[in-house]
Amino acid sequence: MVREIFNYKPGPPVPPVSPTEDQLRNIFKKYDTNNDKKLSREELKKAFDYLGSLIPGFRADRGLHHADANKDGCVNEGEMDELIKYAVRVGFTVRRRNS
């Protein structure tokens, strides 16, 4: 029986980097799946899941609490800056990929 041996040497770890506000804005907008220019709780939950949240539902609720000024249950474009400030404040990062 012939056994193959593979030597895998991982590259250096890829450090997390803080996302720019534009990157976060684009990520959140990507999750506006019904294109109504608002982010519902479910859309926020999916966005925070994508960003790596361990409990995305909690983050969605807290994001709404911090950003939903008119209390309609969604984050609209005018409220987006507050959502982004919240995400940065709680430490969401974007990982760079090794090429």
C-alpha atoms as a PDB file:
ATOM      1  CA  MET A   1       0.000   0.000   0.000  1.00  0.00           C
ATOM      2  CA  VAL A   2       1.398   3.376  -0.999  1.00  0.00           C
ATOM      3  CA  ARG A   3       0.695   6.286   1.300  1.00  0.00           C
ATOM      4  CA  GLU A   4       1.045   9.824   0.177  1.00  0.00           C
ATOM      5  CA  ILE A   5       2.425  12.327   2.600  1.00  0.00           C
ATOM      6  CA  PHE A   6       1.551  15.960   2.177  1.00  0.00           C
ATOM      7  CA  ASN A   7       3.460  18.666   3.903  1.00  0.00           C
ATOM      8  CA  TYR A   8       1.225  21.624   4.537  1.00  0.00           C
ATOM      9  CA  LYS A   9       2.821  24.745   5.860  1.00  0.00           C
ATOM     10  CA  PRO A  10       0.281  27.447   6.520  1.00  0.00           C
ATOM     11  CA  GLY A  11       1.232  30.954   5.573  1.00  0.00           C
ATOM     12  CA  PRO A  12       1.390  33.718   8.120  1.00  0.00           C
ATOM     13  CA  PRO A  13      -1.892  34.481   9.856  1.00  0.00           C
ATOM     14  CA  VAL A  14      -4.011  37.085   8.151  1.00  0.00           C
ATOM     15  CA  PRO A  15      -4.652  39.907  10.595  1.00  0.00           C
ATOM     16  CA  PRO A  16      -8.107  41.427  10.828  1.00  0.00           C
ATOM     17  CA  VAL A  17      -8.412  44.992   9.620  1.00  0.00           C
ATOM     18  CA  SER A  18     -10.978  47.542  10.561  1.00  0.00           C
ATOM     19  CA  PRO A  19     -13.427  48.008   7.719  1.00  0.00           C
ATOM     20  CA  THR A  20     -13.920  51.417   6.265  1.00  0.00           C
ATOM     21  CA  GLU A  21     -17.310  52.991   6.665  1.00  0.00           C
ATOM     22  CA  ASP A  22     -17.844  52.557   2.922  1.00  0.00           C
ATOM     23  CA  GLN A  23     -17.097  48.819   3.187  1.00  0.00           C
ATOM     24  CA  LEU A  24     -19.591  48.419   6.010  1.00  0.00           C
ATOM     25  CA  ARG A  25     -22.184  50.488   4.160  1.00  0.00           C
ATOM     26  CA  ASN A  26     -21.774  48.272   1.088  1.00  0.00           C
ATOM     27  CA  ILE A  27     -22.052  45.107   3.172  1.00  0.00           C
ATOM     28  CA  PHE A  28     -25.228  46.311   4.850  1.00  0.00           C
ATOM     29  CA  LYS A  29     -26.734  47.470   1.541  1.00  0.00           C
ATOM     30  CA  LYS A  30     -25.971  44.074   0.006  1.00  0.00           C
ATOM     31  CA  TYR A  31     -28.368  42.543   2.536  1.00  0.00           C
ATOM     32  CA  ASP A  32     -31.302  44.758   1.514  1.00  0.00           C
ATOM     33  CA  THR A  33     -32.686  41.726  -0.315  1.00  0.00           C
ATOM     34  CA  ASN A  34     -36.081  43.220  -1.190  1.00  0.00           C
ATOM     35  CA  ASN A  35     -34.500  46.493  -2.431  1.00  0.00           C
ATOM     36  CA  ASP A  36     -36.776  48.721  -0.369  1.00  0.00           C
ATOM     37  CA  LYS A  37     -33.825  50.889   0.756  1.00  0.00           C
ATOM     38  CA  LYS A  38     -34.366  49.725   4.361  1.00  0.00           C
ATOM     39  CA  LEU A  39     -32.859  46.968   6.452  1.00  0.00           C
ATOM     40  CA  SER A  40     -35.325  44.870   8.413  1.00  0.00           C
ATOM     41  CA  ARG A  41     -34.330  42.905  11.491  1.00  0.00           C
ATOM     42  CA  GLU A  42     -33.955  39.745   9.382  1.00  0.00           C
ATOM     43  CA  GLU A  43     -31.792  41.535   6.819  1.00  0.00           C
ATOM     44  CA  LEU A  44     -29.641  42.977   9.618  1.00  0.00           C
ATOM     45  CA  LYS A  45     -29.362  39.542  11.191  1.00  0.00           C
ATOM     46  CA  LYS A  46     -28.021  38.126   7.909  1.00  0.00           C
ATOM     47  CA  ALA A  47     -25.593  41.025   7.535  1.00  0.00           C
ATOM     48  CA  PHE A  48     -24.230  40.599  11.059  1.00  0.00           C
ATOM     49  CA  ASP A  49     -23.948  36.860  10.447  1.00  0.00           C
ATOM     50  CA  TYR A  50     -21.878  37.620   7.340  1.00  0.00           C
ATOM     51  CA  LEU A  51     -19.698  39.945   9.427  1.00  0.00           C
ATOM     52  CA  GLY A  52     -18.986  37.072  11.819  1.00  0.00           C
ATOM     53  CA  SER A  53     -21.254  37.794  14.758  1.00  0.00           C
ATOM     54  CA  LEU A  54     -21.620  34.875  17.159  1.00  0.00           C
ATOM     55  CA  ILE A  55     -25.181  35.950  17.964  1.00  0.00           C
ATOM     56  CA  PRO A  56     -26.389  37.851  14.872  1.00  0.00           C
ATOM     57  CA  GLY A  57     -29.966  38.197  16.139  1.00  0.00           C
ATOM     58  CA  PHE A  58     -28.723  40.018  19.224  1.00  0.00           C
ATOM     59  CA  ARG A  59     -26.543  42.302  17.091  1.00  0.00           C
ATOM     60  CA  ALA A  60     -29.495  43.015  14.784  1.00  0.00           C
ATOM     61  CA  ASP A  61     -31.633  43.985  17.789  1.00  0.00           C
ATOM     62  CA  ARG A  62     -28.891  46.206  19.208  1.00  0.00           C
ATOM     63  CA  GLY A  63     -28.236  47.740  15.790  1.00  0.00           C
ATOM     64  CA  LEU A  64     -31.915  48.622  15.506  1.00  0.00           C
ATOM     65  CA  HIS A  65     -31.893  50.040  19.020  1.00  0.00           C
ATOM     66  CA  HIS A  66     -28.981  52.333  18.177  1.00  0.00           C
ATOM     67  CA  ALA A  67     -29.928  53.317  14.620  1.00  0.00           C
ATOM     68  CA  ASP A  68     -33.726  53.176  14.202  1.00  0.00           C
ATOM     69  CA  ALA A  69     -34.513  56.792  15.105  1.00  0.00           C
ATOM     70  CA  ASN A  70     -38.111  56.751  13.829  1.00  0.00           C
ATOM     71  CA  LYS A  71     -38.833  53.374  15.512  1.00  0.00           C
ATOM     72  CA  ASP A  72     -40.371  51.765  12.418  1.00  0.00           C
ATOM     73  CA  GLY A  73     -38.424  48.530  12.933  1.00  0.00           C
ATOM     74  CA  CYS A  74     -36.028  49.142  10.025  1.00  0.00           C
ATOM     75  CA  VAL A  75     -32.843  51.063   9.332  1.00  0.00           C
ATOM     76  CA  ASN A  76     -33.317  53.405   6.386  1.00  0.00           C
ATOM     77  CA  GLU A  77     -30.626  55.233   4.436  1.00  0.00           C
ATOM     78  CA  GLY A  78     -30.840  58.258   6.720  1.00  0.00           C
ATOM     79  CA  GLU A  79     -30.216  56.050   9.750  1.00  0.00           C
ATOM     80  CA  MET A  80     -27.390  54.035   8.182  1.00  0.00           C
ATOM     81  CA  ASP A  81     -24.601  56.203   9.634  1.00  0.00           C
ATOM     82  CA  GLU A  82     -25.696  55.315  13.176  1.00  0.00           C
ATOM     83  CA  LEU A  83     -25.754  51.613  12.310  1.00  0.00           C
ATOM     84  CA  ILE A  84     -22.230  51.872  10.933  1.00  0.00           C
ATOM     85  CA  LYS A  85     -21.027  53.723  14.045  1.00  0.00           C
ATOM     86  CA  TYR A  86     -22.524  50.948  16.168  1.00  0.00           C
ATOM     87  CA  ALA A  87     -20.822  48.188  14.131  1.00  0.00           C
ATOM     88  CA  VAL A  88     -17.442  49.930  14.362  1.00  0.00           C
ATOM     89  CA  ARG A  89     -17.863  50.622  18.084  1.00  0.00           C
ATOM     90  CA  VAL A  90     -18.545  46.965  18.919  1.00  0.00           C
ATOM     91  CA  GLY A  91     -15.493  45.910  16.926  1.00  0.00           C
ATOM     92  CA  PHE A  92     -16.536  44.278  13.672  1.00  0.00           C
ATOM     93  CA  THR A  93     -13.589  43.647  11.397  1.00  0.00           C
ATOM     94  CA  VAL A  94     -13.044  42.453   7.857  1.00  0.00           C
ATOM     95  CA  ARG A  95     -10.413  39.794   7.202  1.00  0.00           C
ATOM     96  CA  ARG A  96      -8.070  40.199   4.280  1.00  0.00           C
ATOM     97  CA  ARG A  97      -7.756  37.085   2.156  1.00  0.00           C
ATOM     98  CA  ASN A  98      -4.468  35.494   1.247  1.00  0.00           C
ATOM     99  CA  SER A  99      -4.002  35.603  -2.516  1.00  0.00           C
END
